[in-house]
Amino acid sequence: LVLVYVGAVMVLFLFVVMMLDINLT
C-alpha cells in the first residue's frame, strides 16, 4: 500500500492536480 499507492499513484495525482489550472471558486 505504501509503495504502490503512496509512492506511485499519489505522486501522479499530485502532479496532475498541481499542473491543472483548477478554478477553486
mmCIF file of all heavy atoms, coordinates in Angstrom:
data_MODEL
# 
_entry.id   MODEL 
# 
loop_
_atom_site.group_PDB 
_atom_site.id 
_atom_site.type_symbol 
_atom_site.label_atom_id 
_atom_site.label_alt_id 
_atom_site.label_comp_id 
_atom_site.label_asym_id 
_atom_site.label_entity_id 
_atom_site.label_seq_id 
_atom_site.pdbx_PDB_ins_code 
_atom_site.Cartn_x 
_atom_site.Cartn_y 
_atom_site.Cartn_z 
_atom_site.occupancy 
_atom_site.B_iso_or_equiv 
_atom_site.pdbx_formal_charge 
_atom_site.auth_seq_id 
_atom_site.auth_comp_id 
_atom_site.auth_asym_id 
_atom_site.auth_atom_id 
_atom_site.pdbx_PDB_model_num 
ATOM 1   N N   . LEU A 1 1  ? 0.825   -1.207 0.000   1.00 0.00 ? 1  LEU A N   1 
ATOM 2   C CA  . LEU A 1 1  ? 0.000   0.000  0.000   1.00 0.00 ? 1  LEU A CA  1 
ATOM 3   C C   . LEU A 1 1  ? 0.857   1.254  0.000   1.00 0.00 ? 1  LEU A C   1 
ATOM 4   O O   . LEU A 1 1  ? 0.583   2.212  -0.743  1.00 0.00 ? 1  LEU A O   1 
ATOM 5   C CB  . LEU A 1 1  ? -0.928  -0.013 1.213   1.00 0.00 ? 1  LEU A CB  1 
ATOM 6   C CG  . LEU A 1 1  ? -1.859  1.197  1.380   1.00 0.00 ? 1  LEU A CG  1 
ATOM 7   C CD1 . LEU A 1 1  ? -2.844  1.270  0.232   1.00 0.00 ? 1  LEU A CD1 1 
ATOM 8   C CD2 . LEU A 1 1  ? -2.588  1.127  2.701   1.00 0.00 ? 1  LEU A CD2 1 
ATOM 9   N N   . VAL A 1 2  ? 1.921   1.261  0.801   1.00 0.00 ? 2  VAL A N   1 
ATOM 10  C CA  . VAL A 1 2  ? 2.783   2.439  0.872   1.00 0.00 ? 2  VAL A CA  1 
ATOM 11  C C   . VAL A 1 2  ? 3.566   2.619  -0.421  1.00 0.00 ? 2  VAL A C   1 
ATOM 12  O O   . VAL A 1 2  ? 3.654   3.723  -0.974  1.00 0.00 ? 2  VAL A O   1 
ATOM 13  C CB  . VAL A 1 2  ? 3.731   2.334  2.082   1.00 0.00 ? 2  VAL A CB  1 
ATOM 14  C CG1 . VAL A 1 2  ? 4.761   3.459  2.057   1.00 0.00 ? 2  VAL A CG1 1 
ATOM 15  C CG2 . VAL A 1 2  ? 2.937   2.380  3.376   1.00 0.00 ? 2  VAL A CG2 1 
ATOM 16  N N   . LEU A 1 3  ? 4.136   1.531  -0.948  1.00 0.00 ? 3  LEU A N   1 
ATOM 17  C CA  . LEU A 1 3  ? 4.998   1.648  -2.133  1.00 0.00 ? 3  LEU A CA  1 
ATOM 18  C C   . LEU A 1 3  ? 4.194   1.959  -3.392  1.00 0.00 ? 3  LEU A C   1 
ATOM 19  O O   . LEU A 1 3  ? 4.597   2.798  -4.203  1.00 0.00 ? 3  LEU A O   1 
ATOM 20  C CB  . LEU A 1 3  ? 5.795   0.361  -2.322  1.00 0.00 ? 3  LEU A CB  1 
ATOM 21  C CG  . LEU A 1 3  ? 6.843   0.063  -1.252  1.00 0.00 ? 3  LEU A CG  1 
ATOM 22  C CD1 . LEU A 1 3  ? 7.504   -1.280 -1.521  1.00 0.00 ? 3  LEU A CD1 1 
ATOM 23  C CD2 . LEU A 1 3  ? 7.884   1.159  -1.195  1.00 0.00 ? 3  LEU A CD2 1 
ATOM 24  N N   . VAL A 1 4  ? 3.057   1.278  -3.566  1.00 0.00 ? 4  VAL A N   1 
ATOM 25  C CA  . VAL A 1 4  ? 2.298   1.421  -4.811  1.00 0.00 ? 4  VAL A CA  1 
ATOM 26  C C   . VAL A 1 4  ? 1.445   2.678  -4.798  1.00 0.00 ? 4  VAL A C   1 
ATOM 27  O O   . VAL A 1 4  ? 1.538   3.533  -5.687  1.00 0.00 ? 4  VAL A O   1 
ATOM 28  C CB  . VAL A 1 4  ? 1.433   0.167  -5.060  1.00 0.00 ? 4  VAL A CB  1 
ATOM 29  C CG1 . VAL A 1 4  ? 0.552   0.361  -6.284  1.00 0.00 ? 4  VAL A CG1 1 
ATOM 30  C CG2 . VAL A 1 4  ? 2.317   -1.053 -5.231  1.00 0.00 ? 4  VAL A CG2 1 
ATOM 31  N N   . TYR A 1 5  ? 0.607   2.821  -3.777  1.00 0.00 ? 5  TYR A N   1 
ATOM 32  C CA  . TYR A 1 5  ? -0.341  3.928  -3.773  1.00 0.00 ? 5  TYR A CA  1 
ATOM 33  C C   . TYR A 1 5  ? 0.317   5.249  -3.373  1.00 0.00 ? 5  TYR A C   1 
ATOM 34  O O   . TYR A 1 5  ? 0.156   6.263  -4.055  1.00 0.00 ? 5  TYR A O   1 
ATOM 35  C CB  . TYR A 1 5  ? -1.519  3.619  -2.845  1.00 0.00 ? 5  TYR A CB  1 
ATOM 36  C CG  . TYR A 1 5  ? -2.497  2.651  -3.450  1.00 0.00 ? 5  TYR A CG  1 
ATOM 37  C CD1 . TYR A 1 5  ? -2.358  1.283  -3.266  1.00 0.00 ? 5  TYR A CD1 1 
ATOM 38  C CD2 . TYR A 1 5  ? -3.541  3.107  -4.224  1.00 0.00 ? 5  TYR A CD2 1 
ATOM 39  C CE1 . TYR A 1 5  ? -3.252  0.391  -3.837  1.00 0.00 ? 5  TYR A CE1 1 
ATOM 40  C CE2 . TYR A 1 5  ? -4.443  2.222  -4.796  1.00 0.00 ? 5  TYR A CE2 1 
ATOM 41  C CZ  . TYR A 1 5  ? -4.283  0.868  -4.589  1.00 0.00 ? 5  TYR A CZ  1 
ATOM 42  O OH  . TYR A 1 5  ? -5.178  0.000  -5.158  1.00 0.00 ? 5  TYR A OH  1 
ATOM 43  N N   . VAL A 1 6  ? 1.052   5.237  -2.255  1.00 0.00 ? 6  VAL A N   1 
ATOM 44  C CA  . VAL A 1 6  ? 1.688   6.475  -1.810  1.00 0.00 ? 6  VAL A CA  1 
ATOM 45  C C   . VAL A 1 6  ? 2.870   6.834  -2.698  1.00 0.00 ? 6  VAL A C   1 
ATOM 46  O O   . VAL A 1 6  ? 3.055   7.989  -3.077  1.00 0.00 ? 6  VAL A O   1 
ATOM 47  C CB  . VAL A 1 6  ? 2.130   6.352  -0.343  1.00 0.00 ? 6  VAL A CB  1 
ATOM 48  C CG1 . VAL A 1 6  ? 2.821   7.627  0.122   1.00 0.00 ? 6  VAL A CG1 1 
ATOM 49  C CG2 . VAL A 1 6  ? 0.929   6.067  0.546   1.00 0.00 ? 6  VAL A CG2 1 
ATOM 50  N N   . GLY A 1 7  ? 3.670   5.835  -3.081  1.00 0.00 ? 7  GLY A N   1 
ATOM 51  C CA  . GLY A 1 7  ? 4.870   6.127  -3.850  1.00 0.00 ? 7  GLY A CA  1 
ATOM 52  C C   . GLY A 1 7  ? 4.641   6.359  -5.316  1.00 0.00 ? 7  GLY A C   1 
ATOM 53  O O   . GLY A 1 7  ? 5.451   7.021  -5.972  1.00 0.00 ? 7  GLY A O   1 
ATOM 54  N N   . ALA A 1 8  ? 3.563   5.856  -5.891  1.00 0.00 ? 8  ALA A N   1 
ATOM 55  C CA  . ALA A 1 8  ? 3.354   5.981  -7.336  1.00 0.00 ? 8  ALA A CA  1 
ATOM 56  C C   . ALA A 1 8  ? 2.053   6.696  -7.665  1.00 0.00 ? 8  ALA A C   1 
ATOM 57  O O   . ALA A 1 8  ? 2.045   7.733  -8.333  1.00 0.00 ? 8  ALA A O   1 
ATOM 58  C CB  . ALA A 1 8  ? 3.368   4.589  -7.986  1.00 0.00 ? 8  ALA A CB  1 
ATOM 59  N N   . VAL A 1 9  ? 0.945   6.166  -7.186  1.00 0.00 ? 9  VAL A N   1 
ATOM 60  C CA  . VAL A 1 9  ? -0.361  6.700  -7.578  1.00 0.00 ? 9  VAL A CA  1 
ATOM 61  C C   . VAL A 1 9  ? -0.568  8.106  -7.025  1.00 0.00 ? 9  VAL A C   1 
ATOM 62  O O   . VAL A 1 9  ? -0.978  9.026  -7.749  1.00 0.00 ? 9  VAL A O   1 
ATOM 63  C CB  . VAL A 1 9  ? -1.484  5.752  -7.114  1.00 0.00 ? 9  VAL A CB  1 
ATOM 64  C CG1 . VAL A 1 9  ? -2.847  6.342  -7.441  1.00 0.00 ? 9  VAL A CG1 1 
ATOM 65  C CG2 . VAL A 1 9  ? -1.318  4.389  -7.757  1.00 0.00 ? 9  VAL A CG2 1 
ATOM 66  N N   . MET A 1 10 ? -0.258  8.329  -5.758  1.00 0.00 ? 10 MET A N   1 
ATOM 67  C CA  . MET A 1 10 ? -0.493  9.636  -5.166  1.00 0.00 ? 10 MET A CA  1 
ATOM 68  C C   . MET A 1 10 ? 0.467   10.682 -5.712  1.00 0.00 ? 10 MET A C   1 
ATOM 69  O O   . MET A 1 10 ? 0.115   11.859 -5.816  1.00 0.00 ? 10 MET A O   1 
ATOM 70  C CB  . MET A 1 10 ? -0.383  9.561  -3.649  1.00 0.00 ? 10 MET A CB  1 
ATOM 71  C CG  . MET A 1 10 ? -1.572  8.884  -3.002  1.00 0.00 ? 10 MET A CG  1 
ATOM 72  S SD  . MET A 1 10 ? -3.154  9.535  -3.590  1.00 0.00 ? 10 MET A SD  1 
ATOM 73  C CE  . MET A 1 10 ? -2.974  11.272 -3.289  1.00 0.00 ? 10 MET A CE  1 
ATOM 74  N N   . VAL A 1 11 ? 1.691   10.282 -6.036  1.00 0.00 ? 11 VAL A N   1 
ATOM 75  C CA  . VAL A 1 11 ? 2.611   11.230 -6.677  1.00 0.00 ? 11 VAL A CA  1 
ATOM 76  C C   . VAL A 1 11 ? 2.051   11.670 -8.029  1.00 0.00 ? 11 VAL A C   1 
ATOM 77  O O   . VAL A 1 11 ? 2.104   12.852 -8.398  1.00 0.00 ? 11 VAL A O   1 
ATOM 78  C CB  . VAL A 1 11 ? 4.001   10.603 -6.825  1.00 0.00 ? 11 VAL A CB  1 
ATOM 79  C CG1 . VAL A 1 11 ? 4.908   11.505 -7.642  1.00 0.00 ? 11 VAL A CG1 1 
ATOM 80  C CG2 . VAL A 1 11 ? 4.621   10.357 -5.462  1.00 0.00 ? 11 VAL A CG2 1 
ATOM 81  N N   . LEU A 1 12 ? 1.490   10.727 -8.762  1.00 0.00 ? 12 LEU A N   1 
ATOM 82  C CA  . LEU A 1 12 ? 0.860   11.071 -10.040 1.00 0.00 ? 12 LEU A CA  1 
ATOM 83  C C   . LEU A 1 12 ? -0.336  11.987 -9.835  1.00 0.00 ? 12 LEU A C   1 
ATOM 84  O O   . LEU A 1 12 ? -0.526  12.964 -10.577 1.00 0.00 ? 12 LEU A O   1 
ATOM 85  C CB  . LEU A 1 12 ? 0.429   9.794  -10.764 1.00 0.00 ? 12 LEU A CB  1 
ATOM 86  C CG  . LEU A 1 12 ? -0.264  9.962  -12.116 1.00 0.00 ? 12 LEU A CG  1 
ATOM 87  C CD1 . LEU A 1 12 ? 0.657   10.645 -13.118 1.00 0.00 ? 12 LEU A CD1 1 
ATOM 88  C CD2 . LEU A 1 12 ? -0.720  8.612  -12.651 1.00 0.00 ? 12 LEU A CD2 1 
ATOM 89  N N   . PHE A 1 13 ? -1.158  11.715 -8.829  1.00 0.00 ? 13 PHE A N   1 
ATOM 90  C CA  . PHE A 1 13 ? -2.297  12.583 -8.529  1.00 0.00 ? 13 PHE A CA  1 
ATOM 91  C C   . PHE A 1 13 ? -1.835  14.005 -8.215  1.00 0.00 ? 13 PHE A C   1 
ATOM 92  O O   . PHE A 1 13 ? -2.417  14.981 -8.687  1.00 0.00 ? 13 PHE A O   1 
ATOM 93  C CB  . PHE A 1 13 ? -3.091  12.025 -7.352  1.00 0.00 ? 13 PHE A CB  1 
ATOM 94  C CG  . PHE A 1 13 ? -3.984  10.868 -7.717  1.00 0.00 ? 13 PHE A CG  1 
ATOM 95  C CD1 . PHE A 1 13 ? -4.732  10.218 -6.742  1.00 0.00 ? 13 PHE A CD1 1 
ATOM 96  C CD2 . PHE A 1 13 ? -4.072  10.433 -9.016  1.00 0.00 ? 13 PHE A CD2 1 
ATOM 97  C CE1 . PHE A 1 13 ? -5.554  9.161  -7.077  1.00 0.00 ? 13 PHE A CE1 1 
ATOM 98  C CE2 . PHE A 1 13 ? -4.890  9.365  -9.363  1.00 0.00 ? 13 PHE A CE2 1 
ATOM 99  C CZ  . PHE A 1 13 ? -5.628  8.730  -8.394  1.00 0.00 ? 13 PHE A CZ  1 
ATOM 100 N N   . LEU A 1 14 ? -0.784  14.133 -7.398  1.00 0.00 ? 14 LEU A N   1 
ATOM 101 C CA  . LEU A 1 14 ? -0.300  15.455 -7.033  1.00 0.00 ? 14 LEU A CA  1 
ATOM 102 C C   . LEU A 1 14 ? 0.234   16.213 -8.238  1.00 0.00 ? 14 LEU A C   1 
ATOM 103 O O   . LEU A 1 14 ? 0.006   17.416 -8.385  1.00 0.00 ? 14 LEU A O   1 
ATOM 104 C CB  . LEU A 1 14 ? 0.786   15.322 -5.957  1.00 0.00 ? 14 LEU A CB  1 
ATOM 105 C CG  . LEU A 1 14 ? 0.295   15.008 -4.538  1.00 0.00 ? 14 LEU A CG  1 
ATOM 106 C CD1 . LEU A 1 14 ? 1.467   14.788 -3.613  1.00 0.00 ? 14 LEU A CD1 1 
ATOM 107 C CD2 . LEU A 1 14 ? -0.571  16.144 -4.012  1.00 0.00 ? 14 LEU A CD2 1 
ATOM 108 N N   . PHE A 1 15 ? 0.951   15.512 -9.121  1.00 0.00 ? 15 PHE A N   1 
ATOM 109 C CA  . PHE A 1 15 ? 1.455   16.169 -10.327 1.00 0.00 ? 15 PHE A CA  1 
ATOM 110 C C   . PHE A 1 15 ? 0.303   16.667 -11.191 1.00 0.00 ? 15 PHE A C   1 
ATOM 111 O O   . PHE A 1 15 ? 0.333   17.792 -11.709 1.00 0.00 ? 15 PHE A O   1 
ATOM 112 C CB  . PHE A 1 15 ? 2.339   15.205 -11.127 1.00 0.00 ? 15 PHE A CB  1 
ATOM 113 C CG  . PHE A 1 15 ? 3.780   15.258 -10.726 1.00 0.00 ? 15 PHE A CG  1 
ATOM 114 C CD1 . PHE A 1 15 ? 4.374   14.176 -10.105 1.00 0.00 ? 15 PHE A CD1 1 
ATOM 115 C CD2 . PHE A 1 15 ? 4.549   16.383 -10.976 1.00 0.00 ? 15 PHE A CD2 1 
ATOM 116 C CE1 . PHE A 1 15 ? 5.707   14.221 -9.724  1.00 0.00 ? 15 PHE A CE1 1 
ATOM 117 C CE2 . PHE A 1 15 ? 5.877   16.435 -10.607 1.00 0.00 ? 15 PHE A CE2 1 
ATOM 118 C CZ  . PHE A 1 15 ? 6.463   15.360 -9.976  1.00 0.00 ? 15 PHE A CZ  1 
ATOM 119 N N   . VAL A 1 16 ? -0.714  15.827 -11.369 1.00 0.00 ? 16 VAL A N   1 
ATOM 120 C CA  . VAL A 1 16 ? -1.845  16.217 -12.216 1.00 0.00 ? 16 VAL A CA  1 
ATOM 121 C C   . VAL A 1 16 ? -2.604  17.382 -11.601 1.00 0.00 ? 16 VAL A C   1 
ATOM 122 O O   . VAL A 1 16 ? -2.972  18.353 -12.278 1.00 0.00 ? 16 VAL A O   1 
ATOM 123 C CB  . VAL A 1 16 ? -2.770  15.011 -12.449 1.00 0.00 ? 16 VAL A CB  1 
ATOM 124 C CG1 . VAL A 1 16 ? -4.047  15.453 -13.163 1.00 0.00 ? 16 VAL A CG1 1 
ATOM 125 C CG2 . VAL A 1 16 ? -2.057  13.939 -13.258 1.00 0.00 ? 16 VAL A CG2 1 
ATOM 126 N N   . VAL A 1 17 ? -2.851  17.320 -10.289 1.00 0.00 ? 17 VAL A N   1 
ATOM 127 C CA  . VAL A 1 17 ? -3.613  18.375 -9.626  1.00 0.00 ? 17 VAL A CA  1 
ATOM 128 C C   . VAL A 1 17 ? -2.852  19.696 -9.658  1.00 0.00 ? 17 VAL A C   1 
ATOM 129 O O   . VAL A 1 17 ? -3.430  20.764 -9.894  1.00 0.00 ? 17 VAL A O   1 
ATOM 130 C CB  . VAL A 1 17 ? -3.939  17.955 -8.180  1.00 0.00 ? 17 VAL A CB  1 
ATOM 131 C CG1 . VAL A 1 17 ? -4.472  19.139 -7.384  1.00 0.00 ? 17 VAL A CG1 1 
ATOM 132 C CG2 . VAL A 1 17 ? -4.962  16.832 -8.172  1.00 0.00 ? 17 VAL A CG2 1 
ATOM 133 N N   . MET A 1 18 ? -1.539  19.647 -9.436  1.00 0.00 ? 18 MET A N   1 
ATOM 134 C CA  . MET A 1 18 ? -0.753  20.870 -9.394  1.00 0.00 ? 18 MET A CA  1 
ATOM 135 C C   . MET A 1 18 ? -0.493  21.437 -10.789 1.00 0.00 ? 18 MET A C   1 
ATOM 136 O O   . MET A 1 18 ? -0.248  22.634 -10.940 1.00 0.00 ? 18 MET A O   1 
ATOM 137 C CB  . MET A 1 18 ? 0.568   20.620 -8.668  1.00 0.00 ? 18 MET A CB  1 
ATOM 138 C CG  . MET A 1 18 ? 0.387   20.245 -7.209  1.00 0.00 ? 18 MET A CG  1 
ATOM 139 S SD  . MET A 1 18 ? 1.932   19.888 -6.365  1.00 0.00 ? 18 MET A SD  1 
ATOM 140 C CE  . MET A 1 18 ? 2.648   21.517 -6.293  1.00 0.00 ? 18 MET A CE  1 
ATOM 141 N N   . MET A 1 19 ? -0.529  20.586 -11.826 1.00 0.00 ? 19 MET A N   1 
ATOM 142 C CA  . MET A 1 19 ? -0.314  21.079 -13.183 1.00 0.00 ? 19 MET A CA  1 
ATOM 143 C C   . MET A 1 19 ? -1.581  21.661 -13.797 1.00 0.00 ? 19 MET A C   1 
ATOM 144 O O   . MET A 1 19 ? -1.515  22.562 -14.633 1.00 0.00 ? 19 MET A O   1 
ATOM 145 C CB  . MET A 1 19 ? 0.213   19.948 -14.075 1.00 0.00 ? 19 MET A CB  1 
ATOM 146 C CG  . MET A 1 19 ? 1.650   19.547 -13.787 1.00 0.00 ? 19 MET A CG  1 
ATOM 147 S SD  . MET A 1 19 ? 2.189   18.162 -14.794 1.00 0.00 ? 19 MET A SD  1 
ATOM 148 C CE  . MET A 1 19 ? 2.066   18.877 -16.429 1.00 0.00 ? 19 MET A CE  1 
ATOM 149 N N   . LEU A 1 20 ? -2.742  21.160 -13.382 1.00 0.00 ? 20 LEU A N   1 
ATOM 150 C CA  . LEU A 1 20 ? -4.002  21.670 -13.932 1.00 0.00 ? 20 LEU A CA  1 
ATOM 151 C C   . LEU A 1 20 ? -4.360  23.001 -13.290 1.00 0.00 ? 20 LEU A C   1 
ATOM 152 O O   . LEU A 1 20 ? -4.130  23.225 -12.100 1.00 0.00 ? 20 LEU A O   1 
ATOM 153 C CB  . LEU A 1 20 ? -5.130  20.663 -13.700 1.00 0.00 ? 20 LEU A CB  1 
ATOM 154 C CG  . LEU A 1 20 ? -5.008  19.331 -14.446 1.00 0.00 ? 20 LEU A CG  1 
ATOM 155 C CD1 . LEU A 1 20 ? -6.158  18.424 -14.063 1.00 0.00 ? 20 LEU A CD1 1 
ATOM 156 C CD2 . LEU A 1 20 ? -4.999  19.542 -15.957 1.00 0.00 ? 20 LEU A CD2 1 
ATOM 157 N N   . ASP A 1 21 ? -4.931  23.861 -14.066 1.00 0.00 ? 21 ASP A N   1 
ATOM 158 C CA  . ASP A 1 21 ? -5.382  25.156 -13.564 1.00 0.00 ? 21 ASP A CA  1 
ATOM 159 C C   . ASP A 1 21 ? -6.828  25.010 -13.100 1.00 0.00 ? 21 ASP A C   1 
ATOM 160 O O   . ASP A 1 21 ? -7.780  25.269 -13.840 1.00 0.00 ? 21 ASP A O   1 
ATOM 161 C CB  . ASP A 1 21 ? -5.261  26.215 -14.662 1.00 0.00 ? 21 ASP A CB  1 
ATOM 162 C CG  . ASP A 1 21 ? -5.545  27.615 -14.129 1.00 0.00 ? 21 ASP A CG  1 
ATOM 163 O OD1 . ASP A 1 21 ? -5.600  27.762 -12.888 1.00 0.00 ? 21 ASP A OD1 1 
ATOM 164 O OD2 . ASP A 1 21 ? -5.718  28.531 -14.940 1.00 0.00 ? 21 ASP A OD2 1 
ATOM 165 N N   . ILE A 1 22 ? -6.987  24.587 -11.851 1.00 0.00 ? 22 ILE A N   1 
ATOM 166 C CA  . ILE A 1 22 ? -8.315  24.306 -11.307 1.00 0.00 ? 22 ILE A CA  1 
ATOM 167 C C   . ILE A 1 22 ? -8.885  25.578 -10.688 1.00 0.00 ? 22 ILE A C   1 
ATOM 168 O O   . ILE A 1 22 ? -8.239  26.234 -9.869  1.00 0.00 ? 22 ILE A O   1 
ATOM 169 C CB  . ILE A 1 22 ? -8.256  23.178 -10.267 1.00 0.00 ? 22 ILE A CB  1 
ATOM 170 C CG1 . ILE A 1 22 ? -7.712  21.899 -10.906 1.00 0.00 ? 22 ILE A CG1 1 
ATOM 171 C CG2 . ILE A 1 22 ? -9.625  22.925 -9.658  1.00 0.00 ? 22 ILE A CG2 1 
ATOM 172 C CD1 . ILE A 1 22 ? -7.537  20.767 -9.928  1.00 0.00 ? 22 ILE A CD1 1 
ATOM 173 N N   . ASN A 1 23 ? -10.074 25.911 -11.089 1.00 0.00 ? 23 ASN A N   1 
ATOM 174 C CA  . ASN A 1 23 ? -10.762 27.079 -10.538 1.00 0.00 ? 23 ASN A CA  1 
ATOM 175 C C   . ASN A 1 23 ? -11.447 26.677 -9.236  1.00 0.00 ? 23 ASN A C   1 
ATOM 176 O O   . ASN A 1 23 ? -12.459 25.969 -9.233  1.00 0.00 ? 23 ASN A O   1 
ATOM 177 C CB  . ASN A 1 23 ? -11.781 27.609 -11.547 1.00 0.00 ? 23 ASN A CB  1 
ATOM 178 C CG  . ASN A 1 23 ? -12.328 28.964 -11.141 1.00 0.00 ? 23 ASN A CG  1 
ATOM 179 O OD1 . ASN A 1 23 ? -11.961 29.511 -10.101 1.00 0.00 ? 23 ASN A OD1 1 
ATOM 180 N ND2 . ASN A 1 23 ? -13.206 29.508 -11.959 1.00 0.00 ? 23 ASN A ND2 1 
ATOM 181 N N   . LEU A 1 24 ? -10.892 27.118 -8.116  1.00 0.00 ? 24 LEU A N   1 
ATOM 182 C CA  . LEU A 1 24 ? -11.432 26.734 -6.814  1.00 0.00 ? 24 LEU A CA  1 
ATOM 183 C C   . LEU A 1 24 ? -12.779 27.378 -6.533  1.00 0.00 ? 24 LEU A C   1 
ATOM 184 O O   . LEU A 1 24 ? -13.572 26.855 -5.753  1.00 0.00 ? 24 LEU A O   1 
ATOM 185 C CB  . LEU A 1 24 ? -10.436 27.114 -5.710  1.00 0.00 ? 24 LEU A CB  1 
ATOM 186 C CG  . LEU A 1 24 ? -9.069  26.423 -5.788  1.00 0.00 ? 24 LEU A CG  1 
ATOM 187 C CD1 . LEU A 1 24 ? -8.188  26.921 -4.655  1.00 0.00 ? 24 LEU A CD1 1 
ATOM 188 C CD2 . LEU A 1 24 ? -9.218  24.919 -5.728  1.00 0.00 ? 24 LEU A CD2 1 
ATOM 189 N N   . THR A 1 25 ? -13.046 28.499 -7.154  1.00 0.00 ? 25 THR A N   1 
ATOM 190 C CA  . THR A 1 25 ? -14.333 29.167 -6.925  1.00 0.00 ? 25 THR A CA  1 
ATOM 191 C C   . THR A 1 25 ? -15.493 28.313 -7.421  1.00 0.00 ? 25 THR A C   1 
ATOM 192 O O   . THR A 1 25 ? -16.535 28.200 -6.766  1.00 0.00 ? 25 THR A O   1 
ATOM 193 C CB  . THR A 1 25 ? -14.345 30.527 -7.623  1.00 0.00 ? 25 THR A CB  1 
ATOM 194 O OG1 . THR A 1 25 ? -13.206 31.284 -7.193  1.00 0.00 ? 25 THR A OG1 1 
ATOM 195 C CG2 . THR A 1 25 ? -15.610 31.287 -7.302  1.00 0.00 ? 25 THR A CG2 1 
# 
